[in-house]
C-alpha atoms as a PDB file:
ATOM      1  CA  MET A   1       0.000   0.000   0.000  1.00  0.00           C
ATOM      2  CA  THR A   2       1.435   3.363  -0.937  1.00  0.00           C
ATOM      3  CA  LYS A   3       2.212   5.888   1.754  1.00  0.00           C
ATOM      4  CA  SER A   4      -0.590   8.267   0.697  1.00  0.00           C
ATOM      5  CA  CYS A   5      -3.152   5.440   0.739  1.00  0.00           C
ATOM      6  CA  TRP A   6      -1.933   4.278   4.126  1.00  0.00           C
ATOM      7  CA  GLN A   7      -2.440   7.769   5.572  1.00  0.00           C
ATOM      8  CA  VAL A   8      -6.111   7.713   4.569  1.00  0.00           C
ATOM      9  CA  VAL A   9      -6.592   4.209   5.968  1.00  0.00           C
ATOM     10  CA  SER A  10      -4.723   5.046   9.168  1.00  0.00           C
ATOM     11  CA  THR A  11      -6.782   8.184   9.735  1.00  0.00           C
ATOM     12  CA  SER A  12     -10.020   6.259   9.211  1.00  0.00           C
ATOM     13  CA  ILE A  13      -8.956   3.556  11.646  1.00  0.00           C
ATOM     14  CA  ARG A  14      -7.991   6.107  14.283  1.00  0.00           C
ATOM     15  CA  VAL A  15     -11.287   7.985  13.966  1.00  0.00           C
ATOM     16  CA  LEU A  16     -13.289   4.771  14.312  1.00  0.00           C
ATOM     17  CA  TRP A  17     -11.276   3.555  17.276  1.00  0.00           C
ATOM     18  CA  GLN A  18     -11.401   6.907  19.068  1.00  0.00           C
ATOM     19  CA  THR A  19     -15.171   7.194  18.666  1.00  0.00           C
ATOM     20  CA  ARG A  20     -15.931   3.566  19.600  1.00  0.00           C
ATOM     21  CA  ILE A  21     -13.498   2.812  22.401  1.00  0.00           C
ATOM     22  CA  PRO A  22     -13.929   4.429  25.818  1.00  0.00           C
ATOM     23  CA  ALA A  23     -11.169   6.910  26.682  1.00  0.00           C
ATOM     24  CA  PRO A  24      -9.685   4.856  29.552  1.00  0.00           C
ATOM     25  CA  LEU A  25      -9.126   1.918  27.175  1.00  0.00           C
ATOM     26  CA  GLN A  26      -7.777   3.823  24.175  1.00  0.00           C
ATOM     27  CA  GLY A  27      -4.132   3.626  25.224  1.00  0.00           C
ATOM     28  CA  ARG A  28      -4.298  -0.148  25.564  1.00  0.00           C
ATOM     29  CA  SER A  29      -6.260  -0.502  22.345  1.00  0.00           C
ATOM     30  CA  PHE A  30      -3.865   1.591  20.282  1.00  0.00           C
ATOM     31  CA  ALA A  31      -0.908  -0.243  21.835  1.00  0.00           C
ATOM     32  CA  ALA A  32      -2.433  -3.572  20.768  1.00  0.00           C
ATOM     33  CA  LEU A  33      -3.079  -2.219  17.264  1.00  0.00           C
ATOM     34  CA  MET A  34       0.501  -0.990  16.936  1.00  0.00           C
ATOM     35  CA  LEU A  35       1.823  -4.325  18.209  1.00  0.00           C
ATOM     36  CA  VAL A  36      -0.112  -6.204  15.526  1.00  0.00           C
ATOM     37  CA  LEU A  37       1.051  -3.795  12.817  1.00  0.00           C
ATOM     38  CA  GLN A  38       4.680  -3.891  13.892  1.00  0.00           C
ATOM     39  CA  VAL A  39       4.790  -7.683  14.174  1.00  0.00           C
ATOM     40  CA  THR A  40       3.105  -8.415  10.856  1.00  0.00           C
ATOM     41  CA  ALA A  41       5.212  -6.039   8.744  1.00  0.00           C
ATOM     42  CA  PRO A  42       8.540  -7.879   9.274  1.00  0.00           C
ATOM     43  CA  LEU A  43       6.764 -11.208   8.778  1.00  0.00           C
ATOM     44  CA  ALA A  44       5.463  -9.967   5.436  1.00  0.00           C
ATOM     45  CA  TYR A  45       8.981  -8.947   4.385  1.00  0.00           C
ATOM     46  CA  LEU A  46      10.288 -12.388   5.346  1.00  0.00           C
ATOM     47  CA  VAL A  47       7.584 -14.201   3.376  1.00  0.00           C
ATOM     48  CA  VAL A  48       7.470 -12.094   0.188  1.00  0.00           C
ATOM     49  CA  GLY A  49      11.029 -12.755  -1.006  1.00  0.00           C
ATOM     50  CA  PRO A  50      10.989 -16.559  -0.826  1.00  0.00           C
ATOM     51  CA  LEU A  51       7.425 -16.643  -2.143  1.00  0.00           C
ATOM     52  CA  ALA A  52       8.382 -14.578  -5.179  1.00  0.00           C
ATOM     53  CA  ASP A  53      11.680 -16.392  -5.833  1.00  0.00           C
ATOM     54  CA  ASN A  54      10.552 -19.972  -5.231  1.00  0.00           C
ATOM     55  CA  ILE A  55       6.943 -20.007  -6.408  1.00  0.00           C
ATOM     56  CA  PHE A  56       6.012 -17.095  -8.678  1.00  0.00           C
ATOM     57  CA  GLU A  57       9.277 -16.634 -10.592  1.00  0.00           C
ATOM     58  CA  PRO A  58       9.473 -20.296 -11.720  1.00  0.00           C
ATOM     59  CA  LEU A  59       5.842 -20.142 -12.874  1.00  0.00           C
ATOM     60  CA  LEU A  60       6.651 -17.310 -15.288  1.00  0.00           C
ATOM     61  CA  SER A  61      10.139 -18.303 -16.303  1.00  0.00           C
ATOM     62  CA  SER A  62      10.792 -19.492 -19.827  1.00  0.00           C
ATOM     63  CA  GLY A  63       8.937 -22.819 -20.107  1.00  0.00           C
ATOM     64  CA  GLY A  64       7.248 -22.340 -16.729  1.00  0.00           C
ATOM     65  CA  LEU A  65       3.790 -23.607 -15.886  1.00  0.00           C
ATOM     66  CA  LEU A  66       2.081 -20.244 -16.566  1.00  0.00           C
ATOM     67  CA  SER A  67       4.362 -19.003 -19.337  1.00  0.00           C
ATOM     68  CA  ASP A  68       1.968 -20.024 -22.127  1.00  0.00           C
ATOM     69  CA  ASN A  69      -1.191 -18.381 -20.751  1.00  0.00           C
ATOM     70  CA  VAL A  70      -0.468 -15.690 -18.145  1.00  0.00           C
ATOM     71  CA  GLY A  71       2.936 -15.106 -19.722  1.00  0.00           C
ATOM     72  CA  HIS A  72       1.234 -13.763 -22.850  1.00  0.00           C
ATOM     73  CA  LEU A  73      -0.447 -11.068 -20.751  1.00  0.00           C
ATOM     74  CA  ILE A  74       2.381  -9.905 -18.491  1.00  0.00           C
ATOM     75  CA  GLY A  75       5.451 -11.372 -20.118  1.00  0.00           C
ATOM     76  CA  VAL A  76       7.960 -14.081 -19.242  1.00  0.00           C
ATOM     77  CA  GLY A  77      11.326 -13.775 -17.566  1.00  0.00           C
ATOM     78  CA  SER A  78      13.019 -12.090 -14.667  1.00  0.00           C
ATOM     79  CA  GLY A  79      10.702 -10.066 -12.451  1.00  0.00           C
ATOM     80  CA  ARG A  80       7.478 -11.344 -13.997  1.00  0.00           C
ATOM     81  CA  GLY A  81       6.767 -13.636 -11.037  1.00  0.00           C
ATOM     82  CA  LEU A  82       6.853 -10.689  -8.657  1.00  0.00           C
ATOM     83  CA  ALA A  83       4.627  -8.767 -11.064  1.00  0.00           C
ATOM     84  CA  LEU A  84       2.121 -11.642 -10.995  1.00  0.00           C
ATOM     85  CA  MET A  85       2.201 -11.703  -7.203  1.00  0.00           C
ATOM     86  CA  LEU A  86       1.523  -7.953  -7.046  1.00  0.00           C
ATOM     87  CA  ILE A  87      -1.315  -8.296  -9.561  1.00  0.00           C
ATOM     88  CA  ILE A  88      -2.883 -11.082  -7.487  1.00  0.00           C
ATOM     89  CA  LEU A  89      -2.552  -9.052  -4.275  1.00  0.00           C
ATOM     90  CA  GLY A  90      -4.073  -6.007  -5.983  1.00  0.00           C
ATOM     91  CA  LEU A  91      -6.997  -8.081  -7.227  1.00  0.00           C
ATOM     92  CA  LEU A  92      -7.526  -9.554  -3.752  1.00  0.00           C
ATOM     93  CA  THR A  93      -7.508  -6.069  -2.237  1.00  0.00           C
ATOM     94  CA  THR A  94     -10.030  -4.876  -4.817  1.00  0.00           C
ATOM     95  CA  LEU A  95     -12.207  -7.943  -4.285  1.00  0.00           C
ATOM     96  CA  THR A  96     -12.140  -7.411  -0.521  1.00  0.00           C
ATOM     97  CA  SER A  97     -13.157  -3.771  -0.976  1.00  0.00           C
ATOM     98  CA  VAL A  98     -16.036  -4.693  -3.275  1.00  0.00           C
ATOM     99  CA  VAL A  99     -17.300  -7.454  -0.979  1.00  0.00           C
ATOM    100  CA  MET A 100     -17.115  -5.186   2.055  1.00  0.00           C
ATOM    101  CA  SER A 101     -18.914  -2.365   0.222  1.00  0.00           C
ATOM    102  CA  LEU A 102     -21.728  -4.770  -0.671  1.00  0.00           C
ATOM    103  CA  ASN A 103     -22.130  -5.730   2.986  1.00  0.00           C
ATOM    104  CA  LEU A 104     -24.968  -3.584   4.325  1.00  0.00           C
ATOM    105  CA  ARG A 105     -23.683  -3.754   7.889  1.00  0.00           C
ATOM    106  CA  MET A 106     -20.298  -2.371   6.826  1.00  0.00           C
ATOM    107  CA  ARG A 107     -21.832   0.399   4.722  1.00  0.00           C
ATOM    108  CA  ARG A 108     -23.957   1.537   7.655  1.00  0.00           C
ATOM    109  CA  PHE A 109     -21.237   1.064  10.236  1.00  0.00           C
ATOM    110  CA  GLU A 110     -21.174   4.684  11.375  1.00  0.00           C
ATOM    111  CA  GLU A 111     -24.936   5.289  11.344  1.00  0.00           C
ATOM    112  CA  GLY A 112     -25.957   3.160  14.305  1.00  0.00           C
ATOM    113  CA  ALA A 113     -22.768   3.230  16.278  1.00  0.00           C
ATOM    114  CA  THR A 114     -22.753   4.410  19.818  1.00  0.00           C
ATOM    115  CA  ILE A 115     -19.815   5.059  22.043  1.00  0.00           C
ATOM    116  CA  ALA A 116     -19.413   2.280  24.555  1.00  0.00           C
ATOM    117  CA  PRO A 117     -19.612   3.261  28.211  1.00  0.00           C
ATOM    118  CA  ALA A 118     -16.332   3.288  30.080  1.00  0.00           C
ATOM    119  CA  PRO A 119     -15.936   0.167  32.212  1.00  0.00           C
ATOM    120  CA  ASP A 120     -14.284   0.237  35.599  1.00  0.00           C
ATOM    121  CA  CYS A 121     -10.638   0.094  34.588  1.00  0.00           C
ATOM    122  CA  ALA A 122      -8.102  -0.788  37.205  1.00  0.00           C
ATOM    123  CA  PRO A 123      -4.584   0.527  36.591  1.00  0.00           C
ATOM    124  CA  LEU A 124      -2.126  -2.079  35.397  1.00  0.00           C
END
């Protein structure tokens, strides 16, 4: 996701969390969110390289399994496997967005939302 897109997504997430989560729990909630984000990013970097080199690149190499069909669309050779992986991820992101926009509950998420009452929070 590009930096400008991430800023829009991040702002939306923060607005939703700050309006839905009681103030005494916001610090813990944002800490948990940041933990998840910071743990998954390095894992993604560790997975993408081997996935591209060992699975997608051989599929679109000369004589590879997808070189005759997908290879005609995006080409064959060095870097085409990574291109295929990015195309697939882009299509999955688009599909997720379309499915979520068709979900009535997600489209009306902000209409019926109320701020949860603050529970009795004991200091940690």
